[in-house]
Structures are given as C-alpha cells and as structure tokens.
PDBML (XML) file of the C-alpha atoms, coordinates in Angstrom:
<?xml version="1.0" encoding="UTF-8" ?>
<PDBx:datablock datablockName="MODEL"
   xmlns:PDBx="http://pdbml.pdb.org/schema/pdbx-v50.xsd"
   xmlns:xsi="http://www.w3.org/2001/XMLSchema-instance"
   xsi:schemaLocation="http://pdbml.pdb.org/schema/pdbx-v50.xsd pdbx-v50.xsd">
   <PDBx:atom_siteCategory>
      <PDBx:atom_site id="1">
         <PDBx:B_iso_or_equiv>0.00</PDBx:B_iso_or_equiv>
         <PDBx:Cartn_x>8.023</PDBx:Cartn_x>
         <PDBx:Cartn_y>-24.738</PDBx:Cartn_y>
         <PDBx:Cartn_z>6.224</PDBx:Cartn_z>
         <PDBx:auth_asym_id>A</PDBx:auth_asym_id>
         <PDBx:auth_atom_id>CA</PDBx:auth_atom_id>
         <PDBx:auth_comp_id>MET</PDBx:auth_comp_id>
         <PDBx:auth_seq_id>1</PDBx:auth_seq_id>
         <PDBx:group_PDB>ATOM</PDBx:group_PDB>
         <PDBx:label_alt_id xsi:nil="true" />
         <PDBx:label_asym_id>A</PDBx:label_asym_id>
         <PDBx:label_atom_id>CA</PDBx:label_atom_id>
         <PDBx:label_comp_id>MET</PDBx:label_comp_id>
         <PDBx:label_entity_id>1</PDBx:label_entity_id>
         <PDBx:label_seq_id>1</PDBx:label_seq_id>
         <PDBx:occupancy>1.00</PDBx:occupancy>
         <PDBx:pdbx_PDB_model_num>1</PDBx:pdbx_PDB_model_num>
         <PDBx:type_symbol>C</PDBx:type_symbol>
      </PDBx:atom_site>
      <PDBx:atom_site id="2">
         <PDBx:B_iso_or_equiv>0.00</PDBx:B_iso_or_equiv>
         <PDBx:Cartn_x>6.814</PDBx:Cartn_x>
         <PDBx:Cartn_y>-24.326</PDBx:Cartn_y>
         <PDBx:Cartn_z>9.823</PDBx:Cartn_z>
         <PDBx:auth_asym_id>A</PDBx:auth_asym_id>
         <PDBx:auth_atom_id>CA</PDBx:auth_atom_id>
         <PDBx:auth_comp_id>THR</PDBx:auth_comp_id>
         <PDBx:auth_seq_id>2</PDBx:auth_seq_id>
         <PDBx:group_PDB>ATOM</PDBx:group_PDB>
         <PDBx:label_alt_id xsi:nil="true" />
         <PDBx:label_asym_id>A</PDBx:label_asym_id>
         <PDBx:label_atom_id>CA</PDBx:label_atom_id>
         <PDBx:label_comp_id>THR</PDBx:label_comp_id>
         <PDBx:label_entity_id>1</PDBx:label_entity_id>
         <PDBx:label_seq_id>2</PDBx:label_seq_id>
         <PDBx:occupancy>1.00</PDBx:occupancy>
         <PDBx:pdbx_PDB_model_num>1</PDBx:pdbx_PDB_model_num>
         <PDBx:type_symbol>C</PDBx:type_symbol>
      </PDBx:atom_site>
      <PDBx:atom_site id="3">
         <PDBx:B_iso_or_equiv>0.00</PDBx:B_iso_or_equiv>
         <PDBx:Cartn_x>10.025</PDBx:Cartn_x>
         <PDBx:Cartn_y>-23.905</PDBx:Cartn_y>
         <PDBx:Cartn_z>11.852</PDBx:Cartn_z>
         <PDBx:auth_asym_id>A</PDBx:auth_asym_id>
         <PDBx:auth_atom_id>CA</PDBx:auth_atom_id>
         <PDBx:auth_comp_id>ASP</PDBx:auth_comp_id>
         <PDBx:auth_seq_id>3</PDBx:auth_seq_id>
         <PDBx:group_PDB>ATOM</PDBx:group_PDB>
         <PDBx:label_alt_id xsi:nil="true" />
         <PDBx:label_asym_id>A</PDBx:label_asym_id>
         <PDBx:label_atom_id>CA</PDBx:label_atom_id>
         <PDBx:label_comp_id>ASP</PDBx:label_comp_id>
         <PDBx:label_entity_id>1</PDBx:label_entity_id>
         <PDBx:label_seq_id>3</PDBx:label_seq_id>
         <PDBx:occupancy>1.00</PDBx:occupancy>
         <PDBx:pdbx_PDB_model_num>1</PDBx:pdbx_PDB_model_num>
         <PDBx:type_symbol>C</PDBx:type_symbol>
      </PDBx:atom_site>
      <PDBx:atom_site id="4">
         <PDBx:B_iso_or_equiv>0.00</PDBx:B_iso_or_equiv>
         <PDBx:Cartn_x>11.636</PDBx:Cartn_x>
         <PDBx:Cartn_y>-21.221</PDBx:Cartn_y>
         <PDBx:Cartn_z>9.715</PDBx:Cartn_z>
         <PDBx:auth_asym_id>A</PDBx:auth_asym_id>
         <PDBx:auth_atom_id>CA</PDBx:auth_atom_id>
         <PDBx:auth_comp_id>TYR</PDBx:auth_comp_id>
         <PDBx:auth_seq_id>4</PDBx:auth_seq_id>
         <PDBx:group_PDB>ATOM</PDBx:group_PDB>
         <PDBx:label_alt_id xsi:nil="true" />
         <PDBx:label_asym_id>A</PDBx:label_asym_id>
         <PDBx:label_atom_id>CA</PDBx:label_atom_id>
         <PDBx:label_comp_id>TYR</PDBx:label_comp_id>
         <PDBx:label_entity_id>1</PDBx:label_entity_id>
         <PDBx:label_seq_id>4</PDBx:label_seq_id>
         <PDBx:occupancy>1.00</PDBx:occupancy>
         <PDBx:pdbx_PDB_model_num>1</PDBx:pdbx_PDB_model_num>
         <PDBx:type_symbol>C</PDBx:type_symbol>
      </PDBx:atom_site>
      <PDBx:atom_site id="5">
         <PDBx:B_iso_or_equiv>0.00</PDBx:B_iso_or_equiv>
         <PDBx:Cartn_x>14.454</PDBx:Cartn_x>
         <PDBx:Cartn_y>-20.480</PDBx:Cartn_y>
         <PDBx:Cartn_z>12.176</PDBx:Cartn_z>
         <PDBx:auth_asym_id>A</PDBx:auth_asym_id>
         <PDBx:auth_atom_id>CA</PDBx:auth_atom_id>
         <PDBx:auth_comp_id>GLU</PDBx:auth_comp_id>
         <PDBx:auth_seq_id>5</PDBx:auth_seq_id>
         <PDBx:group_PDB>ATOM</PDBx:group_PDB>
         <PDBx:label_alt_id xsi:nil="true" />
         <PDBx:label_asym_id>A</PDBx:label_asym_id>
         <PDBx:label_atom_id>CA</PDBx:label_atom_id>
         <PDBx:label_comp_id>GLU</PDBx:label_comp_id>
         <PDBx:label_entity_id>1</PDBx:label_entity_id>
         <PDBx:label_seq_id>5</PDBx:label_seq_id>
         <PDBx:occupancy>1.00</PDBx:occupancy>
         <PDBx:pdbx_PDB_model_num>1</PDBx:pdbx_PDB_model_num>
         <PDBx:type_symbol>C</PDBx:type_symbol>
      </PDBx:atom_site>
      <PDBx:atom_site id="6">
         <PDBx:B_iso_or_equiv>0.00</PDBx:B_iso_or_equiv>
         <PDBx:Cartn_x>15.714</PDBx:Cartn_x>
         <PDBx:Cartn_y>-24.029</PDBx:Cartn_y>
         <PDBx:Cartn_z>12.797</PDBx:Cartn_z>
         <PDBx:auth_asym_id>A</PDBx:auth_asym_id>
         <PDBx:auth_atom_id>CA</PDBx:auth_atom_id>
         <PDBx:auth_comp_id>ASN</PDBx:auth_comp_id>
         <PDBx:auth_seq_id>6</PDBx:auth_seq_id>
         <PDBx:group_PDB>ATOM</PDBx:group_PDB>
         <PDBx:label_alt_id xsi:nil="true" />
         <PDBx:label_asym_id>A</PDBx:label_asym_id>
         <PDBx:label_atom_id>CA</PDBx:label_atom_id>
         <PDBx:label_comp_id>ASN</PDBx:label_comp_id>
         <PDBx:label_entity_id>1</PDBx:label_entity_id>
         <PDBx:label_seq_id>6</PDBx:label_seq_id>
         <PDBx:occupancy>1.00</PDBx:occupancy>
         <PDBx:pdbx_PDB_model_num>1</PDBx:pdbx_PDB_model_num>
         <PDBx:type_symbol>C</PDBx:type_symbol>
      </PDBx:atom_site>
      <PDBx:atom_site id="7">
         <PDBx:B_iso_or_equiv>0.00</PDBx:B_iso_or_equiv>
         <PDBx:Cartn_x>14.692</PDBx:Cartn_x>
         <PDBx:Cartn_y>-25.896</PDBx:Cartn_y>
         <PDBx:Cartn_z>9.647</PDBx:Cartn_z>
         <PDBx:auth_asym_id>A</PDBx:auth_asym_id>
         <PDBx:auth_atom_id>CA</PDBx:auth_atom_id>
         <PDBx:auth_comp_id>ASP</PDBx:auth_comp_id>
         <PDBx:auth_seq_id>7</PDBx:auth_seq_id>
         <PDBx:group_PDB>ATOM</PDBx:group_PDB>
         <PDBx:label_alt_id xsi:nil="true" />
         <PDBx:label_asym_id>A</PDBx:label_asym_id>
         <PDBx:label_atom_id>CA</PDBx:label_atom_id>
         <PDBx:label_comp_id>ASP</PDBx:label_comp_id>
         <PDBx:label_entity_id>1</PDBx:label_entity_id>
         <PDBx:label_seq_id>7</PDBx:label_seq_id>
         <PDBx:occupancy>1.00</PDBx:occupancy>
         <PDBx:pdbx_PDB_model_num>1</PDBx:pdbx_PDB_model_num>
         <PDBx:type_symbol>C</PDBx:type_symbol>
      </PDBx:atom_site>
      <PDBx:atom_site id="8">
         <PDBx:B_iso_or_equiv>0.00</PDBx:B_iso_or_equiv>
         <PDBx:Cartn_x>15.016</PDBx:Cartn_x>
         <PDBx:Cartn_y>-23.078</PDBx:Cartn_y>
         <PDBx:Cartn_z>7.106</PDBx:Cartn_z>
         <PDBx:auth_asym_id>A</PDBx:auth_asym_id>
         <PDBx:auth_atom_id>CA</PDBx:auth_atom_id>
         <PDBx:auth_comp_id>LEU</PDBx:auth_comp_id>
         <PDBx:auth_seq_id>8</PDBx:auth_seq_id>
         <PDBx:group_PDB>ATOM</PDBx:group_PDB>
         <PDBx:label_alt_id xsi:nil="true" />
         <PDBx:label_asym_id>A</PDBx:label_asym_id>
         <PDBx:label_atom_id>CA</PDBx:label_atom_id>
         <PDBx:label_comp_id>LEU</PDBx:label_comp_id>
         <PDBx:label_entity_id>1</PDBx:label_entity_id>
         <PDBx:label_seq_id>8</PDBx:label_seq_id>
         <PDBx:occupancy>1.00</PDBx:occupancy>
         <PDBx:pdbx_PDB_model_num>1</PDBx:pdbx_PDB_model_num>
         <PDBx:type_symbol>C</PDBx:type_symbol>
      </PDBx:atom_site>
      <PDBx:atom_site id="9">
         <PDBx:B_iso_or_equiv>0.00</PDBx:B_iso_or_equiv>
         <PDBx:Cartn_x>17.783</PDBx:Cartn_x>
         <PDBx:Cartn_y>-21.111</PDBx:Cartn_y>
         <PDBx:Cartn_z>8.838</PDBx:Cartn_z>
         <PDBx:auth_asym_id>A</PDBx:auth_asym_id>
         <PDBx:auth_atom_id>CA</PDBx:auth_atom_id>
         <PDBx:auth_comp_id>ASP</PDBx:auth_comp_id>
         <PDBx:auth_seq_id>9</PDBx:auth_seq_id>
         <PDBx:group_PDB>ATOM</PDBx:group_PDB>
         <PDBx:label_alt_id xsi:nil="true" />
         <PDBx:label_asym_id>A</PDBx:label_asym_id>
         <PDBx:label_atom_id>CA</PDBx:label_atom_id>
         <PDBx:label_comp_id>ASP</PDBx:label_comp_id>
         <PDBx:label_entity_id>1</PDBx:label_entity_id>
         <PDBx:label_seq_id>9</PDBx:label_seq_id>
         <PDBx:occupancy>1.00</PDBx:occupancy>
         <PDBx:pdbx_PDB_model_num>1</PDBx:pdbx_PDB_model_num>
         <PDBx:type_symbol>C</PDBx:type_symbol>
      </PDBx:atom_site>
      <PDBx:atom_site id="10">
         <PDBx:B_iso_or_equiv>0.00</PDBx:B_iso_or_equiv>
         <PDBx:Cartn_x>16.371</PDBx:Cartn_x>
         <PDBx:Cartn_y>-17.586</PDBx:Cartn_y>
         <PDBx:Cartn_z>8.614</PDBx:Cartn_z>
         <PDBx:auth_asym_id>A</PDBx:auth_asym_id>
         <PDBx:auth_atom_id>CA</PDBx:auth_atom_id>
         <PDBx:auth_comp_id>TYR</PDBx:auth_comp_id>
         <PDBx:auth_seq_id>10</PDBx:auth_seq_id>
         <PDBx:group_PDB>ATOM</PDBx:group_PDB>
         <PDBx:label_alt_id xsi:nil="true" />
         <PDBx:label_asym_id>A</PDBx:label_asym_id>
         <PDBx:label_atom_id>CA</PDBx:label_atom_id>
         <PDBx:label_comp_id>TYR</PDBx:label_comp_id>
         <PDBx:label_entity_id>1</PDBx:label_entity_id>
         <PDBx:label_seq_id>10</PDBx:label_seq_id>
         <PDBx:occupancy>1.00</PDBx:occupancy>
         <PDBx:pdbx_PDB_model_num>1</PDBx:pdbx_PDB_model_num>
         <PDBx:type_symbol>C</PDBx:type_symbol>
      </PDBx:atom_site>
      <PDBx:atom_site id="11">
         <PDBx:B_iso_or_equiv>0.00</PDBx:B_iso_or_equiv>
         <PDBx:Cartn_x>14.766</PDBx:Cartn_x>
         <PDBx:Cartn_y>-15.038</PDBx:Cartn_y>
         <PDBx:Cartn_z>10.903</PDBx:Cartn_z>
         <PDBx:auth_asym_id>A</PDBx:auth_asym_id>
         <PDBx:auth_atom_id>CA</PDBx:auth_atom_id>
         <PDBx:auth_comp_id>THR</PDBx:auth_comp_id>
         <PDBx:auth_seq_id>11</PDBx:auth_seq_id>
         <PDBx:group_PDB>ATOM</PDBx:group_PDB>
         <PDBx:label_alt_id xsi:nil="true" />
         <PDBx:label_asym_id>A</PDBx:label_asym_id>
         <PDBx:label_atom_id>CA</PDBx:label_atom_id>
         <PDBx:label_comp_id>THR</PDBx:label_comp_id>
         <PDBx:label_entity_id>1</PDBx:label_entity_id>
         <PDBx:label_seq_id>11</PDBx:label_seq_id>
         <PDBx:occupancy>1.00</PDBx:occupancy>
         <PDBx:pdbx_PDB_model_num>1</PDBx:pdbx_PDB_model_num>
         <PDBx:type_symbol>C</PDBx:type_symbol>
      </PDBx:atom_site>
      <PDBx:atom_site id="12">
         <PDBx:B_iso_or_equiv>0.00</PDBx:B_iso_or_equiv>
         <PDBx:Cartn_x>13.317</PDBx:Cartn_x>
         <PDBx:Cartn_y>-11.551</PDBx:Cartn_y>
         <PDBx:Cartn_z>10.576</PDBx:Cartn_z>
         <PDBx:auth_asym_id>A</PDBx:auth_asym_id>
         <PDBx:auth_atom_id>CA</PDBx:auth_atom_id>
         <PDBx:auth_comp_id>TYR</PDBx:auth_comp_id>
         <PDBx:auth_seq_id>12</PDBx:auth_seq_id>
         <PDBx:group_PDB>ATOM</PDBx:group_PDB>
         <PDBx:label_alt_id xsi:nil="true" />
         <PDBx:label_asym_id>A</PDBx:label_asym_id>
         <PDBx:label_atom_id>CA</PDBx:label_atom_id>
         <PDBx:label_comp_id>TYR</PDBx:label_comp_id>
         <PDBx:label_entity_id>1</PDBx:label_entity_id>
         <PDBx:label_seq_id>12</PDBx:label_seq_id>
         <PDBx:occupancy>1.00</PDBx:occupancy>
         <PDBx:pdbx_PDB_model_num>1</PDBx:pdbx_PDB_model_num>
         <PDBx:type_symbol>C</PDBx:type_symbol>
      </PDBx:atom_site>
      <PDBx:atom_site id="13">
         <PDBx:B_iso_or_equiv>0.00</PDBx:B_iso_or_equiv>
         <PDBx:Cartn_x>14.746</PDBx:Cartn_x>
         <PDBx:Cartn_y>-8.273</PDBx:Cartn_y>
         <PDBx:Cartn_z>11.735</PDBx:Cartn_z>
         <PDBx:auth_asym_id>A</PDBx:auth_asym_id>
         <PDBx:auth_atom_id>CA</PDBx:auth_atom_id>
         <PDBx:auth_comp_id>HIS</PDBx:auth_comp_id>
         <PDBx:auth_seq_id>13</PDBx:auth_seq_id>
         <PDBx:group_PDB>ATOM</PDBx:group_PDB>
         <PDBx:label_alt_id xsi:nil="true" />
         <PDBx:label_asym_id>A</PDBx:label_asym_id>
         <PDBx:label_atom_id>CA</PDBx:label_atom_id>
         <PDBx:label_comp_id>HIS</PDBx:label_comp_id>
         <PDBx:label_entity_id>1</PDBx:label_entity_id>
         <PDBx:label_seq_id>13</PDBx:label_seq_id>
         <PDBx:occupancy>1.00</PDBx:occupancy>
         <PDBx:pdbx_PDB_model_num>1</PDBx:pdbx_PDB_model_num>
         <PDBx:type_symbol>C</PDBx:type_symbol>
      </PDBx:atom_site>
      <PDBx:atom_site id="14">
         <PDBx:B_iso_or_equiv>0.00</PDBx:B_iso_or_equiv>
         <PDBx:Cartn_x>12.458</PDBx:Cartn_x>
         <PDBx:Cartn_y>-5.784</PDBx:Cartn_y>
         <PDBx:Cartn_z>13.491</PDBx:Cartn_z>
         <PDBx:auth_asym_id>A</PDBx:auth_asym_id>
         <PDBx:auth_atom_id>CA</PDBx:auth_atom_id>
         <PDBx:auth_comp_id>LEU</PDBx:auth_comp_id>
         <PDBx:auth_seq_id>14</PDBx:auth_seq_id>
         <PDBx:group_PDB>ATOM</PDBx:group_PDB>
         <PDBx:label_alt_id xsi:nil="true" />
         <PDBx:label_asym_id>A</PDBx:label_asym_id>
         <PDBx:label_atom_id>CA</PDBx:label_atom_id>
         <PDBx:label_comp_id>LEU</PDBx:label_comp_id>
         <PDBx:label_entity_id>1</PDBx:label_entity_id>
         <PDBx:label_seq_id>14</PDBx:label_seq_id>
         <PDBx:occupancy>1.00</PDBx:occupancy>
         <PDBx:pdbx_PDB_model_num>1</PDBx:pdbx_PDB_model_num>
         <PDBx:type_symbol>C</PDBx:type_symbol>
      </PDBx:atom_site>
      <PDBx:atom_site id="15">
         <PDBx:B_iso_or_equiv>0.00</PDBx:B_iso_or_equiv>
         <PDBx:Cartn_x>9.353</PDBx:Cartn_x>
         <PDBx:Cartn_y>-4.729</PDBx:Cartn_y>
         <PDBx:Cartn_z>11.538</PDBx:Cartn_z>
         <PDBx:auth_asym_id>A</PDBx:auth_asym_id>
         <PDBx:auth_atom_id>CA</PDBx:auth_atom_id>
         <PDBx:auth_comp_id>GLY</PDBx:auth_comp_id>
         <PDBx:auth_seq_id>15</PDBx:auth_seq_id>
         <PDBx:group_PDB>ATOM</PDBx:group_PDB>
         <PDBx:label_alt_id xsi:nil="true" />
         <PDBx:label_asym_id>A</PDBx:label_asym_id>
         <PDBx:label_atom_id>CA</PDBx:label_atom_id>
         <PDBx:label_comp_id>GLY</PDBx:label_comp_id>
         <PDBx:label_entity_id>1</PDBx:label_entity_id>
         <PDBx:label_seq_id>15</PDBx:label_seq_id>
         <PDBx:occupancy>1.00</PDBx:occupancy>
         <PDBx:pdbx_PDB_model_num>1</PDBx:pdbx_PDB_model_num>
         <PDBx:type_symbol>C</PDBx:type_symbol>
      </PDBx:atom_site>
      <PDBx:atom_site id="16">
         <PDBx:B_iso_or_equiv>0.00</PDBx:B_iso_or_equiv>
         <PDBx:Cartn_x>6.279</PDBx:Cartn_x>
         <PDBx:Cartn_y>-2.580</PDBx:Cartn_y>
         <PDBx:Cartn_z>12.072</PDBx:Cartn_z>
         <PDBx:auth_asym_id>A</PDBx:auth_asym_id>
         <PDBx:auth_atom_id>CA</PDBx:auth_atom_id>
         <PDBx:auth_comp_id>SER</PDBx:auth_comp_id>
         <PDBx:auth_seq_id>16</PDBx:auth_seq_id>
         <PDBx:group_PDB>ATOM</PDBx:group_PDB>
         <PDBx:label_alt_id xsi:nil="true" />
         <PDBx:label_asym_id>A</PDBx:label_asym_id>
         <PDBx:label_atom_id>CA</PDBx:label_atom_id>
         <PDBx:label_comp_id>SER</PDBx:label_comp_id>
         <PDBx:label_entity_id>1</PDBx:label_entity_id>
         <PDBx:label_seq_id>16</PDBx:label_seq_id>
         <PDBx:occupancy>1.00</PDBx:occupancy>
         <PDBx:pdbx_PDB_model_num>1</PDBx:pdbx_PDB_model_num>
         <PDBx:type_symbol>C</PDBx:type_symbol>
      </PDBx:atom_site>
      <PDBx:atom_site id="17">
         <PDBx:B_iso_or_equiv>0.00</PDBx:B_iso_or_equiv>
         <PDBx:Cartn_x>4.131</PDBx:Cartn_x>
         <PDBx:Cartn_y>-5.463</PDBx:Cartn_y>
         <PDBx:Cartn_z>13.342</PDBx:Cartn_z>
         <PDBx:auth_asym_id>A</PDBx:auth_asym_id>
         <PDBx:auth_atom_id>CA</PDBx:auth_atom_id>
         <PDBx:auth_comp_id>LEU</PDBx:auth_comp_id>
         <PDBx:auth_seq_id>17</PDBx:auth_seq_id>
         <PDBx:group_PDB>ATOM</PDBx:group_PDB>
         <PDBx:label_alt_id xsi:nil="true" />
         <PDBx:label_asym_id>A</PDBx:label_asym_id>
         <PDBx:label_atom_id>CA</PDBx:label_atom_id>
         <PDBx:label_comp_id>LEU</PDBx:label_comp_id>
         <PDBx:label_entity_id>1</PDBx:label_entity_id>
         <PDBx:label_seq_id>17</PDBx:label_seq_id>
         <PDBx:occupancy>1.00</PDBx:occupancy>
         <PDBx:pdbx_PDB_model_num>1</PDBx:pdbx_PDB_model_num>
         <PDBx:type_symbol>C</PDBx:type_symbol>
      </PDBx:atom_site>
      <PDBx:atom_site id="18">
         <PDBx:B_iso_or_equiv>0.00</PDBx:B_iso_or_equiv>
         <PDBx:Cartn_x>6.519</PDBx:Cartn_x>
         <PDBx:Cartn_y>-6.594</PDBx:Cartn_y>
         <PDBx:Cartn_z>16.058</PDBx:Cartn_z>
         <PDBx:auth_asym_id>A</PDBx:auth_asym_id>
         <PDBx:auth_atom_id>CA</PDBx:auth_atom_id>
         <PDBx:auth_comp_id>ASP</PDBx:auth_comp_id>
         <PDBx:auth_seq_id>18</PDBx:auth_seq_id>
         <PDBx:group_PDB>ATOM</PDBx:group_PDB>
         <PDBx:label_alt_id xsi:nil="true" />
         <PDBx:label_asym_id>A</PDBx:label_asym_id>
         <PDBx:label_atom_id>CA</PDBx:label_atom_id>
         <PDBx:label_comp_id>ASP</PDBx:label_comp_id>
         <PDBx:label_entity_id>1</PDBx:label_entity_id>
         <PDBx:label_seq_id>18</PDBx:label_seq_id>
         <PDBx:occupancy>1.00</PDBx:occupancy>
         <PDBx:pdbx_PDB_model_num>1</PDBx:pdbx_PDB_model_num>
         <PDBx:type_symbol>C</PDBx:type_symbol>
      </PDBx:atom_site>
      <PDBx:atom_site id="19">
         <PDBx:B_iso_or_equiv>0.00</PDBx:B_iso_or_equiv>
         <PDBx:Cartn_x>4.776</PDBx:Cartn_x>
         <PDBx:Cartn_y>-6.174</PDBx:Cartn_y>
         <PDBx:Cartn_z>19.446</PDBx:Cartn_z>
         <PDBx:auth_asym_id>A</PDBx:auth_asym_id>
         <PDBx:auth_atom_id>CA</PDBx:auth_atom_id>
         <PDBx:auth_comp_id>PRO</PDBx:auth_comp_id>
         <PDBx:auth_seq_id>19</PDBx:auth_seq_id>
         <PDBx:group_PDB>ATOM</PDBx:group_PDB>
         <PDBx:label_alt_id xsi:nil="true" />
         <PDBx:label_asym_id>A</PDBx:label_asym_id>
         <PDBx:label_atom_id>CA</PDBx:label_atom_id>
         <PDBx:label_comp_id>PRO</PDBx:label_comp_id>
         <PDBx:label_entity_id>1</PDBx:label_entity_id>
         <PDBx:label_seq_id>19</PDBx:label_seq_id>
         <PDBx:occupancy>1.00</PDBx:occupancy>
         <PDBx:pdbx_PDB_model_num>1</PDBx:pdbx_PDB_model_num>
         <PDBx:type_symbol>C</PDBx:type_symbol>
      </PDBx:atom_site>
      <PDBx:atom_site id="20">
         <PDBx:B_iso_or_equiv>0.00</PDBx:B_iso_or_equiv>
         <PDBx:Cartn_x>7.092</PDBx:Cartn_x>
         <PDBx:Cartn_y>-3.360</PDBx:Cartn_y>
         <PDBx:Cartn_z>20.568</PDBx:Cartn_z>
         <PDBx:auth_asym_id>A</PDBx:auth_asym_id>
         <PDBx:auth_atom_id>CA</PDBx:auth_atom_id>
         <PDBx:auth_comp_id>THR</PDBx:auth_comp_id>
         <PDBx:auth_seq_id>20</PDBx:auth_seq_id>
         <PDBx:group_PDB>ATOM</PDBx:group_PDB>
         <PDBx:label_alt_id xsi:nil="true" />
         <PDBx:label_asym_id>A</PDBx:label_asym_id>
         <PDBx:label_atom_id>CA</PDBx:label_atom_id>
         <PDBx:label_comp_id>THR</PDBx:label_comp_id>
         <PDBx:label_entity_id>1</PDBx:label_entity_id>
         <PDBx:label_seq_id>20</PDBx:label_seq_id>
         <PDBx:occupancy>1.00</PDBx:occupancy>
         <PDBx:pdbx_PDB_model_num>1</PDBx:pdbx_PDB_model_num>
         <PDBx:type_symbol>C</PDBx:type_symbol>
      </PDBx:atom_site>
      <PDBx:atom_site id="21">
         <PDBx:B_iso_or_equiv>0.00</PDBx:B_iso_or_equiv>
         <PDBx:Cartn_x>6.105</PDBx:Cartn_x>
         <PDBx:Cartn_y>-1.246</PDBx:Cartn_y>
         <PDBx:Cartn_z>17.542</PDBx:Cartn_z>
         <PDBx:auth_asym_id>A</PDBx:auth_asym_id>
         <PDBx:auth_atom_id>CA</PDBx:auth_atom_id>
         <PDBx:auth_comp_id>LEU</PDBx:auth_comp_id>
         <PDBx:auth_seq_id>21</PDBx:auth_seq_id>
         <PDBx:group_PDB>ATOM</PDBx:group_PDB>
         <PDBx:label_alt_id xsi:nil="true" />
         <PDBx:label_asym_id>A</PDBx:label_asym_id>
         <PDBx:label_atom_id>CA</PDBx:label_atom_id>
         <PDBx:label_comp_id>LEU</PDBx:label_comp_id>
         <PDBx:label_entity_id>1</PDBx:label_entity_id>
         <PDBx:label_seq_id>21</PDBx:label_seq_id>
         <PDBx:occupancy>1.00</PDBx:occupancy>
         <PDBx:pdbx_PDB_model_num>1</PDBx:pdbx_PDB_model_num>
         <PDBx:type_symbol>C</PDBx:type_symbol>
      </PDBx:atom_site>
      <PDBx:atom_site id="22">
         <PDBx:B_iso_or_equiv>0.00</PDBx:B_iso_or_equiv>
         <PDBx:Cartn_x>2.578</PDBx:Cartn_x>
         <PDBx:Cartn_y>-2.499</PDBx:Cartn_y>
         <PDBx:Cartn_z>17.002</PDBx:Cartn_z>
         <PDBx:auth_asym_id>A</PDBx:auth_asym_id>
         <PDBx:auth_atom_id>CA</PDBx:auth_atom_id>
         <PDBx:auth_comp_id>ARG</PDBx:auth_comp_id>
         <PDBx:auth_seq_id>22</PDBx:auth_seq_id>
         <PDBx:group_PDB>ATOM</PDBx:group_PDB>
         <PDBx:label_alt_id xsi:nil="true" />
         <PDBx:label_asym_id>A</PDBx:label_asym_id>
         <PDBx:label_atom_id>CA</PDBx:label_atom_id>
         <PDBx:label_comp_id>ARG</PDBx:label_comp_id>
         <PDBx:label_entity_id>1</PDBx:label_entity_id>
         <PDBx:label_seq_id>22</PDBx:label_seq_id>
         <PDBx:occupancy>1.00</PDBx:occupancy>
         <PDBx:pdbx_PDB_model_num>1</PDBx:pdbx_PDB_model_num>
         <PDBx:type_symbol>C</PDBx:type_symbol>
      </PDBx:atom_site>
      <PDBx:atom_site id="23">
         <PDBx:B_iso_or_equiv>0.00</PDBx:B_iso_or_equiv>
         <PDBx:Cartn_x>1.375</PDBx:Cartn_x>
         <PDBx:Cartn_y>-0.962</PDBx:Cartn_y>
         <PDBx:Cartn_z>20.266</PDBx:Cartn_z>
         <PDBx:auth_asym_id>A</PDBx:auth_asym_id>
         <PDBx:auth_atom_id>CA</PDBx:auth_atom_id>
         <PDBx:auth_comp_id>SER</PDBx:auth_comp_id>
         <PDBx:auth_seq_id>23</PDBx:auth_seq_id>
         <PDBx:group_PDB>ATOM</PDBx:group_PDB>
         <PDBx:label_alt_id xsi:nil="true" />
         <PDBx:label_asym_id>A</PDBx:label_asym_id>
         <PDBx:label_atom_id>CA</PDBx:label_atom_id>
         <PDBx:label_comp_id>SER</PDBx:label_comp_id>
         <PDBx:label_entity_id>1</PDBx:label_entity_id>
         <PDBx:label_seq_id>23</PDBx:label_seq_id>
         <PDBx:occupancy>1.00</PDBx:occupancy>
         <PDBx:pdbx_PDB_model_num>1</PDBx:pdbx_PDB_model_num>
         <PDBx:type_symbol>C</PDBx:type_symbol>
      </PDBx:atom_site>
      <PDBx:atom_site id="24">
         <PDBx:B_iso_or_equiv>0.00</PDBx:B_iso_or_equiv>
         <PDBx:Cartn_x>1.255</PDBx:Cartn_x>
         <PDBx:Cartn_y>2.419</PDBx:Cartn_y>
         <PDBx:Cartn_z>18.533</PDBx:Cartn_z>
         <PDBx:auth_asym_id>A</PDBx:auth_asym_id>
         <PDBx:auth_atom_id>CA</PDBx:auth_atom_id>
         <PDBx:auth_comp_id>THR</PDBx:auth_comp_id>
         <PDBx:auth_seq_id>24</PDBx:auth_seq_id>
         <PDBx:group_PDB>ATOM</PDBx:group_PDB>
         <PDBx:label_alt_id xsi:nil="true" />
         <PDBx:label_asym_id>A</PDBx:label_asym_id>
         <PDBx:label_atom_id>CA</PDBx:label_atom_id>
         <PDBx:label_comp_id>THR</PDBx:label_comp_id>
         <PDBx:label_entity_id>1</PDBx:label_entity_id>
         <PDBx:label_seq_id>24</PDBx:label_seq_id>
         <PDBx:occupancy>1.00</PDBx:occupancy>
         <PDBx:pdbx_PDB_model_num>1</PDBx:pdbx_PDB_model_num>
         <PDBx:type_symbol>C</PDBx:type_symbol>
      </PDBx:atom_site>
      <PDBx:atom_site id="25">
         <PDBx:B_iso_or_equiv>0.00</PDBx:B_iso_or_equiv>
         <PDBx:Cartn_x>-1.218</PDBx:Cartn_x>
         <PDBx:Cartn_y>1.132</PDBx:Cartn_y>
         <PDBx:Cartn_z>15.927</PDBx:Cartn_z>
         <PDBx:auth_asym_id>A</PDBx:auth_asym_id>
         <PDBx:auth_atom_id>CA</PDBx:auth_atom_id>
         <PDBx:auth_comp_id>ILE</PDBx:auth_comp_id>
         <PDBx:auth_seq_id>25</PDBx:auth_seq_id>
         <PDBx:group_PDB>ATOM</PDBx:group_PDB>
         <PDBx:label_alt_id xsi:nil="true" />
         <PDBx:label_asym_id>A</PDBx:label_asym_id>
         <PDBx:label_atom_id>CA</PDBx:label_atom_id>
         <PDBx:label_comp_id>ILE</PDBx:label_comp_id>
         <PDBx:label_entity_id>1</PDBx:label_entity_id>
         <PDBx:label_seq_id>25</PDBx:label_seq_id>
         <PDBx:occupancy>1.00</PDBx:occupancy>
         <PDBx:pdbx_PDB_model_num>1</PDBx:pdbx_PDB_model_num>
         <PDBx:type_symbol>C</PDBx:type_symbol>
      </PDBx:atom_site>
   </PDBx:atom_siteCategory>
</PDBx:datablock>
C-alpha cells in the first residue's frame, strides 16, 4: 500500500493541502 502510484496505479489531482494551496492556510 506504500507506493500508490506505481504499485496501485492511482494518483491525486490538486487538493487544498497541496503545497501550492496550503501556503494560504
């Protein structure tokens, strides 16, 4: 369950806690 992108084949789209958005909070 650790390498979700390579072993589980999914990733996440942009969310509020991504560094580019989190700087405002």
